[in-house]
Amino acid sequence: MRMLLAAATVLFAGGALAQQVGNPAKGLAYARQACAECHATDLGDVASPVFEAPSFQEIANTPGISEVALVSFFQTSHPSMPNLIVPSDDARDVIAYILSLKN
């Protein structure tokens, strides 16, 4: 997962246009509803329900993670994750929430 996010950062940093960051509180609410089955979503939660799924805090603190990398991540399918379709407003909110967890 970390490699995918890092690769997305490198591949898309130059060409992807970042969307305006959303609402972190709405992002947390969405994450708790749609992502918490696999990921630890709350600040301070380090153990995800699915061992291989990184916590949102871990994702936020991945070297090179940025809004652009996360936008790219949400626009790309990943074999290790369910093929979720996250509406763009919700994705912006989740991205804002993830970025708010950065140390």
PDB file of N, CA and C in Angstrom:
ATOM      1  N   MET A   1       0.829  -1.183   0.000  1.00  0.00           N
ATOM      2  CA  MET A   1       0.000   0.000   0.000  1.00  0.00           C
ATOM      3  C   MET A   1       0.877   1.252   0.000  1.00  0.00           C
ATOM      4  N   ARG A   2       1.914   1.254   0.850  1.00  0.00           N
ATOM      5  CA  ARG A   2       2.798   2.410   0.898  1.00  0.00           C
ATOM      6  C   ARG A   2       3.466   2.635  -0.446  1.00  0.00           C
ATOM      7  N   MET A   3       3.889   1.533  -1.083  1.00  0.00           N
ATOM      8  CA  MET A   3       4.549   1.670  -2.380  1.00  0.00           C
ATOM      9  C   MET A   3       3.595   2.246  -3.400  1.00  0.00           C
ATOM     10  N   LEU A   4       2.325   1.834  -3.365  1.00  0.00           N
ATOM     11  CA  LEU A   4       1.355   2.364  -4.313  1.00  0.00           C
ATOM     12  C   LEU A   4       1.170   3.858  -4.120  1.00  0.00           C
ATOM     13  N   LEU A   5       1.059   4.281  -2.854  1.00  0.00           N
ATOM     14  CA  LEU A   5       0.888   5.705  -2.595  1.00  0.00           C
ATOM     15  C   LEU A   5       2.124   6.485  -3.004  1.00  0.00           C
ATOM     16  N   ALA A   6       3.297   5.938  -2.722  1.00  0.00           N
ATOM     17  CA  ALA A   6       4.533   6.614  -3.112  1.00  0.00           C
ATOM     18  C   ALA A   6       4.640   6.693  -4.633  1.00  0.00           C
ATOM     19  N   ALA A   7       4.288   5.603  -5.307  1.00  0.00           N
ATOM     20  CA  ALA A   7       4.327   5.596  -6.772  1.00  0.00           C
ATOM     21  C   ALA A   7       3.340   6.610  -7.341  1.00  0.00           C
ATOM     22  N   ALA A   8       2.167   6.688  -6.739  1.00  0.00           N
ATOM     23  CA  ALA A   8       1.180   7.659  -7.209  1.00  0.00           C
ATOM     24  C   ALA A   8       1.715   9.072  -7.054  1.00  0.00           C
ATOM     25  N   THR A   9       2.424   9.312  -5.964  1.00  0.00           N
ATOM     26  CA  THR A   9       3.006  10.634  -5.746  1.00  0.00           C
ATOM     27  C   THR A   9       3.977  10.980  -6.857  1.00  0.00           C
ATOM     28  N   VAL A  10       4.854  10.047  -7.185  1.00  0.00           N
ATOM     29  CA  VAL A  10       5.864  10.287  -8.208  1.00  0.00           C
ATOM     30  C   VAL A  10       5.227  10.414  -9.585  1.00  0.00           C
ATOM     31  N   LEU A  11       4.322   9.507  -9.914  1.00  0.00           N
ATOM     32  CA  LEU A  11       3.739   9.483 -11.249  1.00  0.00           C
ATOM     33  C   LEU A  11       2.811  10.653 -11.529  1.00  0.00           C
ATOM     34  N   PHE A  12       2.068  11.085 -10.514  1.00  0.00           N
ATOM     35  CA  PHE A  12       1.032  12.062 -10.772  1.00  0.00           C
ATOM     36  C   PHE A  12       1.342  13.457 -10.245  1.00  0.00           C
ATOM     37  N   ALA A  13       2.416  13.625  -9.509  1.00  0.00           N
ATOM     38  CA  ALA A  13       2.708  14.934  -8.915  1.00  0.00           C
ATOM     39  C   ALA A  13       2.847  16.018  -9.972  1.00  0.00           C
ATOM     40  N   GLY A  14       3.417  15.689 -11.098  1.00  0.00           N
ATOM     41  CA  GLY A  14       3.621  16.694 -12.121  1.00  0.00           C
ATOM     42  C   GLY A  14       2.400  16.996 -12.943  1.00  0.00           C
ATOM     43  N   GLY A  15       1.499  16.029 -13.150  1.00  0.00           N
ATOM     44  CA  GLY A  15       0.430  16.242 -14.091  1.00  0.00           C
ATOM     45  C   GLY A  15      -0.966  16.327 -13.528  1.00  0.00           C
ATOM     46  N   ALA A  16      -1.191  15.798 -12.365  1.00  0.00           N
ATOM     47  CA  ALA A  16      -2.550  15.799 -11.826  1.00  0.00           C
ATOM     48  C   ALA A  16      -2.862  17.155 -11.212  1.00  0.00           C
ATOM     49  N   LEU A  17      -4.069  17.598 -11.421  1.00  0.00           N
ATOM     50  CA  LEU A  17      -4.505  18.835 -10.798  1.00  0.00           C
ATOM     51  C   LEU A  17      -5.249  18.481  -9.524  1.00  0.00           C
ATOM     52  N   ALA A  18      -4.807  19.001  -8.423  1.00  0.00           N
ATOM     53  CA  ALA A  18      -5.432  18.717  -7.137  1.00  0.00           C
ATOM     54  C   ALA A  18      -6.789  19.407  -7.061  1.00  0.00           C
ATOM     55  N   GLN A  19      -7.722  18.704  -6.485  1.00  0.00           N
ATOM     56  CA  GLN A  19      -9.033  19.274  -6.233  1.00  0.00           C
ATOM     57  C   GLN A  19      -8.947  20.120  -4.963  1.00  0.00           C
ATOM     58  N   GLN A  20      -9.911  20.994  -4.775  1.00  0.00           N
ATOM     59  CA  GLN A  20      -9.956  21.763  -3.537  1.00  0.00           C
ATOM     60  C   GLN A  20     -10.210  20.797  -2.393  1.00  0.00           C
ATOM     61  N   VAL A  21      -9.459  20.950  -1.309  1.00  0.00           N
ATOM     62  CA  VAL A  21      -9.595  20.078  -0.157  1.00  0.00           C
ATOM     63  C   VAL A  21     -10.977  20.257   0.450  1.00  0.00           C
ATOM     64  N   GLY A  22     -11.531  19.146   0.935  1.00  0.00           N
ATOM     65  CA  GLY A  22     -12.882  19.140   1.490  1.00  0.00           C
ATOM     66  C   GLY A  22     -12.929  19.374   2.983  1.00  0.00           C
ATOM     67  N   ASN A  23     -13.960  18.829   3.608  1.00  0.00           N
ATOM     68  CA  ASN A  23     -14.263  19.021   5.019  1.00  0.00           C
ATOM     69  C   ASN A  23     -13.787  17.808   5.821  1.00  0.00           C
ATOM     70  N   PRO A  24     -12.795  17.970   6.703  1.00  0.00           N
ATOM     71  CA  PRO A  24     -12.271  16.832   7.462  1.00  0.00           C
ATOM     72  C   PRO A  24     -13.313  16.143   8.336  1.00  0.00           C
ATOM     73  N   ALA A  25     -14.225  16.891   8.936  1.00  0.00           N
ATOM     74  CA  ALA A  25     -15.245  16.278   9.795  1.00  0.00           C
ATOM     75  C   ALA A  25     -16.170  15.377   8.979  1.00  0.00           C
ATOM     76  N   LYS A  26     -16.551  15.843   7.796  1.00  0.00           N
ATOM     77  CA  LYS A  26     -17.372  15.013   6.912  1.00  0.00           C
ATOM     78  C   LYS A  26     -16.579  13.810   6.417  1.00  0.00           C
ATOM     79  N   GLY A  27     -15.274  14.007   6.199  1.00  0.00           N
ATOM     80  CA  GLY A  27     -14.417  12.912   5.770  1.00  0.00           C
ATOM     81  C   GLY A  27     -14.322  11.822   6.814  1.00  0.00           C
ATOM     82  N   LEU A  28     -14.201  12.199   8.080  1.00  0.00           N
ATOM     83  CA  LEU A  28     -14.177  11.215   9.161  1.00  0.00           C
ATOM     84  C   LEU A  28     -15.492  10.453   9.223  1.00  0.00           C
ATOM     85  N   ALA A  29     -16.604  11.165   9.111  1.00  0.00           N
ATOM     86  CA  ALA A  29     -17.911  10.507   9.140  1.00  0.00           C
ATOM     87  C   ALA A  29     -18.031   9.496   7.996  1.00  0.00           C
ATOM     88  N   TYR A  30     -17.615   9.900   6.796  1.00  0.00           N
ATOM     89  CA  TYR A  30     -17.670   8.990   5.649  1.00  0.00           C
ATOM     90  C   TYR A  30     -16.742   7.797   5.869  1.00  0.00           C
ATOM     91  N   ALA A  31     -15.530   8.056   6.355  1.00  0.00           N
ATOM     92  CA  ALA A  31     -14.557   6.983   6.582  1.00  0.00           C
ATOM     93  C   ALA A  31     -15.073   5.969   7.599  1.00  0.00           C
ATOM     94  N   ARG A  32     -15.686   6.459   8.661  1.00  0.00           N
ATOM     95  CA  ARG A  32     -16.244   5.546   9.668  1.00  0.00           C
ATOM     96  C   ARG A  32     -17.329   4.655   9.059  1.00  0.00           C
ATOM     97  N   GLN A  33     -18.084   5.200   8.138  1.00  0.00           N
ATOM     98  CA  GLN A  33     -19.183   4.451   7.521  1.00  0.00           C
ATOM     99  C   GLN A  33     -18.696   3.524   6.409  1.00  0.00           C
ATOM    100  N   ALA A  34     -17.733   3.969   5.610  1.00  0.00           N
ATOM    101  CA  ALA A  34     -17.371   3.229   4.401  1.00  0.00           C
ATOM    102  C   ALA A  34     -16.008   2.536   4.457  1.00  0.00           C
ATOM    103  N   CYS A  35     -15.127   2.962   5.343  1.00  0.00           N
ATOM    104  CA  CYS A  35     -13.740   2.464   5.318  1.00  0.00           C
ATOM    105  C   CYS A  35     -13.337   1.686   6.571  1.00  0.00           C
ATOM    106  N   ALA A  36     -14.065   1.906   7.669  1.00  0.00           N
ATOM    107  CA  ALA A  36     -13.659   1.361   8.968  1.00  0.00           C
ATOM    108  C   ALA A  36     -13.765  -0.154   9.053  1.00  0.00           C
ATOM    109  N   GLU A  37     -14.440  -0.782   8.112  1.00  0.00           N
ATOM    110  CA  GLU A  37     -14.494  -2.250   8.108  1.00  0.00           C
ATOM    111  C   GLU A  37     -13.095  -2.833   7.903  1.00  0.00           C
ATOM    112  N   CYS A  38     -12.247  -2.120   7.188  1.00  0.00           N
ATOM    113  CA  CYS A  38     -10.884  -2.589   6.917  1.00  0.00           C
ATOM    114  C   CYS A  38      -9.805  -1.734   7.572  1.00  0.00           C
ATOM    115  N   HIS A  39     -10.004  -0.418   7.623  1.00  0.00           N
ATOM    116  CA  HIS A  39      -8.979   0.526   8.080  1.00  0.00           C
ATOM    117  C   HIS A  39      -9.297   1.087   9.457  1.00  0.00           C
ATOM    118  N   ALA A  40      -8.250   1.324  10.254  1.00  0.00           N
ATOM    119  CA  ALA A  40      -8.384   2.137  11.457  1.00  0.00           C
ATOM    120  C   ALA A  40      -8.496   3.575  10.978  1.00  0.00           C
ATOM    121  N   THR A  41      -9.599   4.228  11.279  1.00  0.00           N
ATOM    122  CA  THR A  41      -9.852   5.545  10.718  1.00  0.00           C
ATOM    123  C   THR A  41      -9.653   6.688  11.702  1.00  0.00           C
ATOM    124  N   ASP A  42      -9.779   6.434  12.984  1.00  0.00           N
ATOM    125  CA  ASP A  42      -9.725   7.510  13.971  1.00  0.00           C
ATOM    126  C   ASP A  42      -8.292   7.837  14.392  1.00  0.00           C
ATOM    127  N   LEU A  43      -8.073   9.084  14.758  1.00  0.00           N
ATOM    128  CA  LEU A  43      -6.788   9.524  15.269  1.00  0.00           C
ATOM    129  C   LEU A  43      -6.405   8.663  16.464  1.00  0.00           C
ATOM    130  N   GLY A  44      -5.198   8.143  16.451  1.00  0.00           N
ATOM    131  CA  GLY A  44      -4.716   7.303  17.541  1.00  0.00           C
ATOM    132  C   GLY A  44      -4.957   5.829  17.342  1.00  0.00           C
ATOM    133  N   ASP A  45      -5.869   5.458  16.433  1.00  0.00           N
ATOM    134  CA  ASP A  45      -6.087   4.041  16.125  1.00  0.00           C
ATOM    135  C   ASP A  45      -4.950   3.574  15.237  1.00  0.00           C
ATOM    136  N   VAL A  46      -4.224   2.562  15.679  1.00  0.00           N
ATOM    137  CA  VAL A  46      -3.092   2.094  14.871  1.00  0.00           C
ATOM    138  C   VAL A  46      -3.322   0.700  14.303  1.00  0.00           C
ATOM    139  N   ALA A  47      -4.196  -0.074  14.921  1.00  0.00           N
ATOM    140  CA  ALA A  47      -4.440  -1.439  14.452  1.00  0.00           C
ATOM    141  C   ALA A  47      -5.733  -1.468  13.642  1.00  0.00           C
ATOM    142  N   SER A  48      -5.601  -1.735  12.350  1.00  0.00           N
ATOM    143  CA  SER A  48      -6.769  -1.833  11.474  1.00  0.00           C
ATOM    144  C   SER A  48      -7.434  -3.187  11.640  1.00  0.00           C
ATOM    145  N   PRO A  49      -8.743  -3.277  11.420  1.00  0.00           N
ATOM    146  CA  PRO A  49      -9.434  -4.561  11.479  1.00  0.00           C
ATOM    147  C   PRO A  49      -8.855  -5.595  10.508  1.00  0.00           C
ATOM    148  N   VAL A  50      -8.395  -5.153   9.352  1.00  0.00           N
ATOM    149  CA  VAL A  50      -7.720  -6.021   8.390  1.00  0.00           C
ATOM    150  C   VAL A  50      -6.233  -5.700   8.498  1.00  0.00           C
ATOM    151  N   PHE A  51      -5.443  -6.688   8.884  1.00  0.00           N
ATOM    152  CA  PHE A  51      -4.029  -6.490   9.185  1.00  0.00           C
ATOM    153  C   PHE A  51      -3.289  -5.753   8.072  1.00  0.00           C
ATOM    154  N   GLU A  52      -3.557  -6.108   6.824  1.00  0.00           N
ATOM    155  CA  GLU A  52      -2.836  -5.529   5.687  1.00  0.00           C
ATOM    156  C   GLU A  52      -3.255  -4.100   5.371  1.00  0.00           C
ATOM    157  N   ALA A  53      -4.384  -3.661   5.896  1.00  0.00           N
ATOM    158  CA  ALA A  53      -4.897  -2.329   5.590  1.00  0.00           C
ATOM    159  C   ALA A  53      -4.254  -1.312   6.532  1.00  0.00           C
ATOM    160  N   PRO A  54      -3.536  -0.344   6.000  1.00  0.00           N
ATOM    161  CA  PRO A  54      -2.897   0.646   6.872  1.00  0.00           C
ATOM    162  C   PRO A  54      -3.934   1.539   7.549  1.00  0.00           C
ATOM    163  N   SER A  55      -3.597   2.025   8.722  1.00  0.00           N
ATOM    164  CA  SER A  55      -4.472   2.989   9.381  1.00  0.00           C
ATOM    165  C   SER A  55      -4.433   4.296   8.585  1.00  0.00           C
ATOM    166  N   PHE A  56      -5.463   5.095   8.742  1.00  0.00           N
ATOM    167  CA  PHE A  56      -5.473   6.389   8.053  1.00  0.00           C
ATOM    168  C   PHE A  56      -4.325   7.260   8.551  1.00  0.00           C
ATOM    169  N   GLN A  57      -3.979   7.141   9.823  1.00  0.00           N
ATOM    170  CA  GLN A  57      -2.861   7.914  10.360  1.00  0.00           C
ATOM    171  C   GLN A  57      -1.548   7.479   9.701  1.00  0.00           C
ATOM    172  N   GLU A  58      -1.392   6.173   9.474  1.00  0.00           N
ATOM    173  CA  GLU A  58      -0.200   5.670   8.785  1.00  0.00           C
ATOM    174  C   GLU A  58      -0.152   6.193   7.348  1.00  0.00           C
ATOM    175  N   ILE A  59      -1.293   6.194   6.684  1.00  0.00           N
ATOM    176  CA  ILE A  59      -1.347   6.724   5.321  1.00  0.00           C
ATOM    177  C   ILE A  59      -0.949   8.194   5.318  1.00  0.00           C
ATOM    178  N   ALA A  60      -1.495   8.960   6.263  1.00  0.00           N
ATOM    179  CA  ALA A  60      -1.210  10.394   6.334  1.00  0.00           C
ATOM    180  C   ALA A  60       0.275  10.671   6.510  1.00  0.00           C
ATOM    181  N   ASN A  61       0.956   9.783   7.216  1.00  0.00           N
ATOM    182  CA  ASN A  61       2.367  10.006   7.529  1.00  0.00           C
ATOM    183  C   ASN A  61       3.316   9.236   6.615  1.00  0.00           C
ATOM    184  N   THR A  62       2.794   8.690   5.536  1.00  0.00           N
ATOM    185  CA  THR A  62       3.627   8.052   4.527  1.00  0.00           C
ATOM    186  C   THR A  62       4.475   9.138   3.849  1.00  0.00           C
ATOM    187  N   PRO A  63       5.793   8.940   3.776  1.00  0.00           N
ATOM    188  CA  PRO A  63       6.626   9.951   3.124  1.00  0.00           C
ATOM    189  C   PRO A  63       6.109  10.271   1.706  1.00  0.00           C
ATOM    190  N   GLY A  64       6.000  11.549   1.409  1.00  0.00           N
ATOM    191  CA  GLY A  64       5.572  11.996   0.089  1.00  0.00           C
ATOM    192  C   GLY A  64       4.068  12.067  -0.094  1.00  0.00           C
ATOM    193  N   ILE A  65       3.299  11.668   0.904  1.00  0.00           N
ATOM    194  CA  ILE A  65       1.844  11.707   0.727  1.00  0.00           C
ATOM    195  C   ILE A  65       1.401  13.165   0.658  1.00  0.00           C
ATOM    196  N   SER A  66       0.492  13.432  -0.244  1.00  0.00           N
ATOM    197  CA  SER A  66       0.000  14.791  -0.453  1.00  0.00           C
ATOM    198  C   SER A  66      -1.425  14.704  -0.963  1.00  0.00           C
ATOM    199  N   GLU A  67      -2.038  15.851  -1.098  1.00  0.00           N
ATOM    200  CA  GLU A  67      -3.381  15.900  -1.672  1.00  0.00           C
ATOM    201  C   GLU A  67      -3.383  15.303  -3.078  1.00  0.00           C
ATOM    202  N   VAL A  68      -2.389  15.644  -3.866  1.00  0.00           N
ATOM    203  CA  VAL A  68      -2.296  15.150  -5.242  1.00  0.00           C
ATOM    204  C   VAL A  68      -2.189  13.625  -5.252  1.00  0.00           C
ATOM    205  N   ALA A  69      -1.351  13.072  -4.390  1.00  0.00           N
ATOM    206  CA  ALA A  69      -1.188  11.619  -4.337  1.00  0.00           C
ATOM    207  C   ALA A  69      -2.496  10.942  -3.945  1.00  0.00           C
ATOM    208  N   LEU A  70      -3.203  11.524  -2.992  1.00  0.00           N
ATOM    209  CA  LEU A  70      -4.467  10.920  -2.551  1.00  0.00           C
ATOM    210  C   LEU A  70      -5.557  11.054  -3.606  1.00  0.00           C
ATOM    211  N   VAL A  71      -5.597  12.173  -4.305  1.00  0.00           N
ATOM    212  CA  VAL A  71      -6.559  12.320  -5.405  1.00  0.00           C
ATOM    213  C   VAL A  71      -6.302  11.230  -6.439  1.00  0.00           C
ATOM    214  N   SER A  72      -5.046  11.033  -6.786  1.00  0.00           N
ATOM    215  CA  SER A  72      -4.686   9.989  -7.755  1.00  0.00           C
ATOM    216  C   SER A  72      -5.082   8.614  -7.238  1.00  0.00           C
ATOM    217  N   PHE A  73      -4.829   8.380  -5.963  1.00  0.00           N
ATOM    218  CA  PHE A  73      -5.164   7.094  -5.360  1.00  0.00           C
ATOM    219  C   PHE A  73      -6.659   6.808  -5.486  1.00  0.00           C
ATOM    220  N   PHE A  74      -7.491   7.798  -5.204  1.00  0.00           N
ATOM    221  CA  PHE A  74      -8.943   7.598  -5.266  1.00  0.00           C
ATOM    222  C   PHE A  74      -9.457   7.444  -6.692  1.00  0.00           C
ATOM    223  N   GLN A  75      -8.645   7.802  -7.683  1.00  0.00           N
ATOM    224  CA  GLN A  75      -9.075   7.688  -9.078  1.00  0.00           C
ATOM    225  C   GLN A  75      -8.529   6.432  -9.752  1.00  0.00           C
ATOM    226  N   THR A  76      -7.858   5.579  -8.988  1.00  0.00           N
ATOM    227  CA  THR A  76      -7.217   4.396  -9.544  1.00  0.00           C
ATOM    228  C   THR A  76      -7.713   3.155  -8.813  1.00  0.00           C
ATOM    229  N   SER A  77      -7.996   2.079  -9.543  1.00  0.00           N
ATOM    230  CA  SER A  77      -8.392   0.839  -8.877  1.00  0.00           C
ATOM    231  C   SER A  77      -7.145   0.162  -8.302  1.00  0.00           C
ATOM    232  N   HIS A  78      -7.350  -0.591  -7.219  1.00  0.00           N
ATOM    233  CA  HIS A  78      -6.249  -1.263  -6.539  1.00  0.00           C
ATOM    234  C   HIS A  78      -6.657  -2.691  -6.227  1.00  0.00           C
ATOM    235  N   PRO A  79      -5.859  -3.665  -6.635  1.00  0.00           N
ATOM    236  CA  PRO A  79      -6.227  -5.064  -6.441  1.00  0.00           C
ATOM    237  C   PRO A  79      -6.357  -5.467  -4.976  1.00  0.00           C
ATOM    238  N   SER A  80      -5.692  -4.759  -4.072  1.00  0.00           N
ATOM    239  CA  SER A  80      -5.749  -5.127  -2.664  1.00  0.00           C
ATOM    240  C   SER A  80      -6.948  -4.522  -1.940  1.00  0.00           C
ATOM    241  N   MET A  81      -7.754  -3.732  -2.644  1.00  0.00           N
ATOM    242  CA  MET A  81      -8.916  -3.100  -2.036  1.00  0.00           C
ATOM    243  C   MET A  81     -10.167  -3.438  -2.835  1.00  0.00           C
ATOM    244  N   PRO A  82     -11.331  -3.390  -2.143  1.00  0.00           N
ATOM    245  CA  PRO A  82     -12.577  -3.533  -2.904  1.00  0.00           C
ATOM    246  C   PRO A  82     -12.670  -2.403  -3.925  1.00  0.00           C
ATOM    247  N   ASN A  83     -13.353  -2.648  -5.008  1.00  0.00           N
ATOM    248  CA  ASN A  83     -13.499  -1.636  -6.045  1.00  0.00           C
ATOM    249  C   ASN A  83     -14.599  -0.659  -5.636  1.00  0.00           C
ATOM    250  N   LEU A  84     -14.260   0.214  -4.699  1.00  0.00           N
ATOM    251  CA  LEU A  84     -15.219   1.189  -4.196  1.00  0.00           C
ATOM    252  C   LEU A  84     -15.255   2.399  -5.108  1.00  0.00           C
ATOM    253  N   ILE A  85     -16.436   2.917  -5.295  1.00  0.00           N
ATOM    254  CA  ILE A  85     -16.582   4.167  -6.031  1.00  0.00           C
ATOM    255  C   ILE A  85     -16.958   5.219  -5.000  1.00  0.00           C
ATOM    256  N   VAL A  86     -16.031   6.115  -4.743  1.00  0.00           N
ATOM    257  CA  VAL A  86     -16.246   7.172  -3.765  1.00  0.00           C
ATOM    258  C   VAL A  86     -16.597   8.440  -4.531  1.00  0.00           C
ATOM    259  N   PRO A  87     -17.804   8.962  -4.304  1.00  0.00           N
ATOM    260  CA  PRO A  87     -18.168  10.212  -4.986  1.00  0.00           C
ATOM    261  C   PRO A  87     -17.117  11.288  -4.728  1.00  0.00           C
ATOM    262  N   SER A  88     -16.903  12.157  -5.708  1.00  0.00           N
ATOM    263  CA  SER A  88     -15.798  13.119  -5.633  1.00  0.00           C
ATOM    264  C   SER A  88     -15.871  14.025  -4.407  1.00  0.00           C
ATOM    265  N   ASP A  89     -17.057  14.491  -4.023  1.00  0.00           N
ATOM    266  CA  ASP A  89     -17.155  15.339  -2.829  1.00  0.00           C
ATOM    267  C   ASP A  89     -16.737  14.563  -1.592  1.00  0.00           C
ATOM    268  N   ASP A  90     -17.162  13.303  -1.487  1.00  0.00           N
ATOM    269  CA  ASP A  90     -16.777  12.474  -0.346  1.00  0.00           C
ATOM    270  C   ASP A  90     -15.284  12.185  -0.370  1.00  0.00           C
ATOM    271  N   ALA A  91     -14.731  11.939  -1.544  1.00  0.00           N
ATOM    272  CA  ALA A  91     -13.294  11.687  -1.659  1.00  0.00           C
ATOM    273  C   ALA A  91     -12.511  12.908  -1.188  1.00  0.00           C
ATOM    274  N   ARG A  92     -12.927  14.109  -1.590  1.00  0.00           N
ATOM    275  CA  ARG A  92     -12.248  15.332  -1.134  1.00  0.00           C
ATOM    276  C   ARG A  92     -12.319  15.459   0.384  1.00  0.00           C
ATOM    277  N   ASP A  93     -13.472  15.093   0.963  1.00  0.00           N
ATOM    278  CA  ASP A  93     -13.619  15.163   2.415  1.00  0.00           C
ATOM    279  C   ASP A  93     -12.716  14.139   3.106  1.00  0.00           C
ATOM    280  N   VAL A  94     -12.650  12.925   2.580  1.00  0.00           N
ATOM    281  CA  VAL A  94     -11.782  11.902   3.160  1.00  0.00           C
ATOM    282  C   VAL A  94     -10.317  12.318   3.025  1.00  0.00           C
ATOM    283  N   ILE A  95      -9.950  12.874   1.897  1.00  0.00           N
ATOM    284  CA  ILE A  95      -8.576  13.353   1.698  1.00  0.00           C
ATOM    285  C   ILE A  95      -8.253  14.438   2.719  1.00  0.00           C
ATOM    286  N   ALA A  96      -9.168  15.371   2.910  1.00  0.00           N
ATOM    287  CA  ALA A  96      -8.946  16.433   3.900  1.00  0.00           C
ATOM    288  C   ALA A  96      -8.778  15.835   5.291  1.00  0.00           C
ATOM    289  N   TYR A  97      -9.581  14.819   5.619  1.00  0.00           N
ATOM    290  CA  TYR A  97      -9.457  14.176   6.920  1.00  0.00           C
ATOM    291  C   TYR A  97      -8.110  13.466   7.054  1.00  0.00           C
ATOM    292  N   ILE A  98      -7.738  12.691   6.055  1.00  0.00           N
ATOM    293  CA  ILE A  98      -6.450  11.981   6.105  1.00  0.00           C
ATOM    294  C   ILE A  98      -5.305  12.970   6.290  1.00  0.00           C
ATOM    295  N   LEU A  99      -5.303  14.043   5.525  1.00  0.00           N
ATOM    296  CA  LEU A  99      -4.238  15.037   5.632  1.00  0.00           C
ATOM    297  C   LEU A  99      -4.227  15.718   7.005  1.00  0.00           C
ATOM    298  N   SER A 100      -5.392  15.796   7.656  1.00  0.00           N
ATOM    299  CA  SER A 100      -5.446  16.393   8.989  1.00  0.00           C
ATOM    300  C   SER A 100      -4.769  15.519  10.038  1.00  0.00           C
ATOM    301  N   LEU A 101      -4.514  14.256   9.721  1.00  0.00           N
ATOM    302  CA  LEU A 101      -3.882  13.330  10.653  1.00  0.00           C
ATOM    303  C   LEU A 101      -2.356  13.364  10.587  1.00  0.00           C
ATOM    304  N   LYS A 102      -1.836  14.107   9.627  1.00  0.00           N
ATOM    305  CA  LYS A 102      -0.383  14.172   9.425  1.00  0.00           C
ATOM    306  C   LYS A 102       0.293  14.788  10.648  1.00  0.00           C
ATOM    307  N   ASN A 103       1.368  14.117  11.122  1.00  0.00           N
ATOM    308  CA  ASN A 103       2.133  14.653  12.265  1.00  0.00           C
ATOM    309  C   ASN A 103       2.979  15.817  11.848  1.00  0.00           C
TER     310      ASN A 103
END
